[in-house]
N, C-alpha and C. Protein backbone atom coordinates (compact mmCIF):
# COMPACT_ATOMS: atom_id res chain seq x y z
N MET A 1 151.25 101.82 189.44
CA MET A 1 150.12 101.83 188.75
C MET A 1 150.57 102.96 187.59
N ALA A 2 150.21 102.73 186.34
CA ALA A 2 150.77 103.43 185.13
C ALA A 2 149.50 104.14 184.47
N THR A 3 149.79 105.29 184.37
CA THR A 3 148.39 106.07 184.21
C THR A 3 148.76 106.07 182.59
N GLN A 4 147.71 105.86 181.97
CA GLN A 4 146.88 105.98 180.52
C GLN A 4 147.12 107.23 180.10
N SER A 5 147.93 107.28 178.73
CA SER A 5 147.66 108.50 178.06
C SER A 5 147.05 108.57 176.51
N SER A 6 146.92 109.88 176.22
CA SER A 6 146.02 109.61 174.69
C SER A 6 146.76 110.76 174.08
N MET A 7 146.74 110.31 172.63
CA MET A 7 147.47 111.55 171.75
C MET A 7 146.42 112.56 171.58
N LEU A 8 147.10 113.71 171.57
CA LEU A 8 145.95 115.01 171.07
C LEU A 8 146.64 115.39 169.83
N HIS A 9 145.96 115.63 168.89
CA HIS A 9 146.46 116.40 167.42
C HIS A 9 145.87 117.63 167.37
N VAL A 10 146.54 118.66 167.08
CA VAL A 10 146.22 120.08 167.15
C VAL A 10 146.75 120.73 165.58
N ARG A 11 145.93 121.18 164.99
CA ARG A 11 145.98 122.21 163.74
C ARG A 11 146.50 123.35 164.24
N VAL A 12 147.80 123.89 163.67
CA VAL A 12 148.18 125.06 163.92
C VAL A 12 149.21 125.37 162.66
N ASP A 13 149.09 126.92 162.55
CA ASP A 13 150.00 127.28 161.34
C ASP A 13 151.39 127.09 161.28
N ASP A 14 152.31 126.78 160.40
CA ASP A 14 153.77 126.42 160.23
C ASP A 14 154.35 127.70 161.01
N ASP A 15 154.07 129.06 160.68
CA ASP A 15 154.95 129.92 161.31
C ASP A 15 154.53 129.95 163.31
N THR A 16 153.32 129.97 163.47
CA THR A 16 152.81 130.01 164.66
C THR A 16 153.45 128.95 165.43
N LYS A 17 153.98 127.36 164.91
CA LYS A 17 154.19 126.53 165.57
C LYS A 17 155.88 126.83 165.51
N GLU A 18 156.44 127.26 164.60
CA GLU A 18 157.99 127.67 164.51
C GLU A 18 157.97 128.32 165.42
N LYS A 19 157.42 129.68 165.57
CA LYS A 19 157.41 130.50 166.59
C LYS A 19 157.49 130.24 168.24
N ALA A 20 156.55 129.53 168.35
CA ALA A 20 156.13 129.01 169.72
C ALA A 20 156.97 127.95 170.21
N THR A 21 157.25 127.26 169.22
CA THR A 21 158.46 125.98 169.51
C THR A 21 159.88 126.95 170.13
N GLU A 22 160.22 128.25 169.21
CA GLU A 22 161.50 128.70 169.65
C GLU A 22 161.50 129.35 170.96
N ALA A 23 160.41 129.94 171.53
CA ALA A 23 160.04 130.58 172.31
C ALA A 23 159.96 129.57 173.79
N LEU A 24 159.35 128.30 173.46
CA LEU A 24 159.36 127.50 174.41
C LEU A 24 160.71 126.97 174.70
N ASN A 25 161.36 126.34 173.98
CA ASN A 25 162.55 125.80 173.95
C ASN A 25 163.27 127.03 174.69
N ALA A 26 163.46 128.19 174.56
CA ALA A 26 164.22 129.07 175.12
C ALA A 26 163.62 129.20 176.69
N MET A 27 162.52 128.57 176.97
CA MET A 27 162.11 128.50 178.24
C MET A 27 162.43 127.13 179.07
N GLY A 28 162.86 126.21 178.20
CA GLY A 28 163.10 125.03 178.86
C GLY A 28 162.02 124.09 178.47
N LEU A 29 161.10 124.50 177.77
CA LEU A 29 159.66 123.22 177.51
C LEU A 29 159.89 123.22 176.23
N SER A 30 159.06 122.03 175.38
CA SER A 30 158.60 121.57 174.32
C SER A 30 157.20 121.83 174.21
N VAL A 31 156.60 121.97 173.17
CA VAL A 31 155.08 122.42 172.68
C VAL A 31 154.66 121.32 173.41
N SER A 32 154.89 119.98 173.46
CA SER A 32 153.97 119.14 174.48
C SER A 32 153.66 119.29 175.68
N ASP A 33 155.06 119.84 176.44
CA ASP A 33 155.18 120.10 177.89
C ASP A 33 154.13 121.50 178.17
N ALA A 34 154.17 122.44 176.91
CA ALA A 34 153.31 123.81 177.36
C ALA A 34 151.85 123.01 177.21
N VAL A 35 151.34 122.39 176.28
CA VAL A 35 150.14 121.74 176.23
C VAL A 35 149.66 120.99 177.50
N ARG A 36 150.44 120.32 177.89
CA ARG A 36 149.92 119.47 179.13
C ARG A 36 150.01 120.55 180.47
N LEU A 37 150.92 121.23 180.49
CA LEU A 37 150.56 122.50 181.55
C LEU A 37 149.40 123.39 181.35
N PHE A 38 149.11 123.67 180.22
CA PHE A 38 147.69 124.57 179.96
C PHE A 38 146.63 123.24 180.04
N LEU A 39 146.52 122.22 179.85
CA LEU A 39 145.39 121.33 180.28
C LEU A 39 145.13 121.20 181.61
N ARG A 40 146.50 121.01 182.34
CA ARG A 40 146.75 120.65 183.97
C ARG A 40 145.83 121.74 184.60
N ARG A 41 146.54 123.16 183.98
CA ARG A 41 145.87 124.69 184.78
C ARG A 41 144.08 124.29 184.62
N VAL A 42 143.85 124.11 183.64
CA VAL A 42 142.17 124.09 183.17
C VAL A 42 141.83 123.36 184.15
N VAL A 43 142.18 121.83 184.31
CA VAL A 43 141.88 120.84 185.01
C VAL A 43 141.93 121.25 186.81
N ILE A 44 143.05 121.64 187.30
CA ILE A 44 143.36 122.12 188.62
C ILE A 44 141.99 123.67 188.75
N ASP A 45 142.16 124.66 188.11
CA ASP A 45 141.26 125.68 188.28
C ASP A 45 139.92 125.67 187.55
N GLN A 46 139.61 124.53 187.12
CA GLN A 46 138.07 124.40 186.24
C GLN A 46 137.71 125.77 185.79
N ALA A 47 139.07 126.19 185.21
CA ALA A 47 138.81 127.78 184.06
C ALA A 47 139.84 127.54 183.24
N PHE A 48 139.51 128.76 182.08
CA PHE A 48 140.46 128.94 181.21
C PHE A 48 141.70 129.71 181.66
N PRO A 49 142.93 129.38 181.55
CA PRO A 49 143.88 129.71 182.17
C PRO A 49 144.56 131.24 181.80
N LEU A 50 143.98 131.82 180.91
CA LEU A 50 144.42 133.26 180.27
C LEU A 50 143.03 134.02 180.47
N GLU A 51 143.45 135.23 180.51
CA GLU A 51 142.28 136.17 180.70
C GLU A 51 141.75 136.26 179.28
N LEU A 52 140.52 136.31 179.06
CA LEU A 52 140.21 136.58 177.56
C LEU A 52 138.97 137.71 177.85
N LYS A 53 139.33 138.88 176.77
CA LYS A 53 138.44 139.83 177.13
C LYS A 53 137.84 139.84 175.23
N VAL A 54 136.47 140.57 175.40
CA VAL A 54 136.06 141.24 174.21
C VAL A 54 136.73 142.45 173.91
N PRO A 55 137.26 142.98 172.72
CA PRO A 55 137.93 143.99 172.52
C PRO A 55 137.11 145.28 172.40
N ASN A 56 137.33 146.41 173.04
CA ASN A 56 136.26 147.47 172.75
C ASN A 56 136.59 148.03 171.31
N ALA A 57 135.66 148.81 171.15
CA ALA A 57 135.44 149.92 169.84
C ALA A 57 136.98 150.08 169.40
N GLU A 58 137.60 150.74 169.95
CA GLU A 58 139.24 151.20 169.74
C GLU A 58 140.16 150.33 169.33
N THR A 59 140.00 148.92 170.00
CA THR A 59 141.11 148.00 169.70
C THR A 59 140.45 147.23 168.49
N ARG A 60 139.13 146.67 168.35
CA ARG A 60 138.80 146.28 166.96
C ARG A 60 139.44 147.34 165.71
N ALA A 61 139.11 148.60 166.02
CA ALA A 61 139.39 149.63 164.71
C ALA A 61 140.90 149.48 164.55
N ALA A 62 141.99 149.17 165.45
CA ALA A 62 143.16 149.18 165.31
C ALA A 62 143.52 148.03 164.88
N MET A 63 142.94 146.60 165.25
CA MET A 63 142.87 145.29 164.74
C MET A 63 142.39 145.37 163.16
N ALA A 64 141.63 145.94 162.97
CA ALA A 64 141.38 145.72 161.45
C ALA A 64 142.34 146.76 160.76
N GLU A 65 142.54 147.80 161.22
CA GLU A 65 143.81 148.77 160.52
C GLU A 65 145.25 147.58 160.24
N ALA A 66 145.36 146.80 161.71
CA ALA A 66 146.51 146.29 160.96
C ALA A 66 146.25 145.09 160.03
N ASP A 67 145.37 144.62 160.14
CA ASP A 67 145.06 143.58 159.10
C ASP A 67 145.23 143.95 157.86
N GLU A 68 144.49 145.14 157.44
CA GLU A 68 144.58 146.09 156.56
C GLU A 68 146.37 146.23 155.97
N ILE A 69 146.61 146.83 156.71
CA ILE A 69 148.25 147.04 156.72
C ILE A 69 148.82 145.57 156.38
N GLY A 70 148.77 144.59 156.74
CA GLY A 70 149.13 143.21 156.40
C GLY A 70 148.51 143.06 154.99
N ARG A 71 147.66 143.31 154.70
CA ARG A 71 147.14 142.95 153.54
C ARG A 71 147.47 143.69 152.20
N THR A 72 147.54 145.00 152.65
CA THR A 72 148.23 146.09 151.36
C THR A 72 149.74 146.30 151.58
N GLY A 73 150.16 146.52 152.85
CA GLY A 73 151.43 146.96 153.18
C GLY A 73 151.45 148.12 153.19
N LYS A 74 150.07 148.84 152.87
CA LYS A 74 150.10 150.37 152.98
C LYS A 74 149.80 150.83 154.53
N ALA A 75 150.74 151.62 155.12
CA ALA A 75 150.30 152.37 156.61
C ALA A 75 149.80 153.26 156.37
N ARG A 76 149.17 154.01 157.72
CA ARG A 76 148.37 155.14 157.76
C ARG A 76 149.43 156.15 157.45
N PHE A 77 150.84 155.98 158.22
CA PHE A 77 151.73 156.92 158.38
C PHE A 77 152.94 156.44 157.60
N SER A 78 153.71 157.61 156.56
CA SER A 78 154.53 157.23 155.74
C SER A 78 155.90 157.39 156.53
N THR A 79 156.20 158.05 157.67
CA THR A 79 157.21 158.47 158.28
C THR A 79 156.97 158.39 159.57
N SER A 80 158.03 158.21 160.51
CA SER A 80 157.46 157.99 161.95
C SER A 80 157.42 159.67 162.39
N ASN A 81 158.01 160.45 161.75
CA ASN A 81 157.44 161.73 162.07
C ASN A 81 156.15 161.99 162.15
N GLU A 82 155.73 161.61 160.70
CA GLU A 82 154.04 161.70 160.84
C GLU A 82 153.26 160.92 161.81
N LEU A 83 153.75 159.89 162.04
CA LEU A 83 153.10 158.96 163.54
C LEU A 83 153.01 160.26 164.69
N ILE A 84 154.37 160.88 164.89
CA ILE A 84 154.63 161.63 166.13
C ILE A 84 153.93 162.78 166.23
N GLU A 85 153.71 163.37 164.63
CA GLU A 85 153.12 164.64 164.82
C GLU A 85 151.58 164.18 165.16
N ASP A 86 151.01 163.17 164.76
CA ASP A 86 149.41 163.05 164.72
C ASP A 86 149.47 162.36 166.35
N LEU A 87 150.31 161.79 166.85
CA LEU A 87 150.17 161.54 168.51
C LEU A 87 150.01 162.85 169.14
N GLU A 88 150.76 163.81 168.71
CA GLU A 88 151.04 165.19 169.79
C GLU A 88 149.70 165.83 169.36
N LYS A 89 149.24 165.82 168.02
CA LYS A 89 148.06 166.57 167.88
C LYS A 89 146.84 165.82 168.42
N THR A 90 147.00 164.55 168.57
CA THR A 90 145.65 164.25 169.42
C THR A 90 145.70 164.00 170.75
N GLY A 91 146.93 163.96 171.20
CA GLY A 91 147.17 164.12 172.63
C GLY A 91 147.26 162.52 173.01
N LYS A 92 147.25 161.63 172.06
CA LYS A 92 147.67 160.24 172.58
C LYS A 92 148.91 159.98 172.77
N GLN A 93 149.56 159.22 174.00
CA GLN A 93 150.74 158.90 174.17
C GLN A 93 150.80 157.41 174.81
């Protein structure tokens, strides 16, 4: 008995599609294979197969800073030494 199938259309930006295709090909999978695996896990587990979390305030601030750097090209630190000095000063590692 043949199983019917349906076409699924997904919109994604070109860069993400290209990078995902390369990564999946390296794993021996196509994008279609990955989507089918994803959907099968949803059916089997009756749950989203990835852990989703709401980012905390520190993570949201880091994400906003990364977005700003992406828009302006201006990072908080001009050199790696400035970054290391700041990490040593604040005790973050």
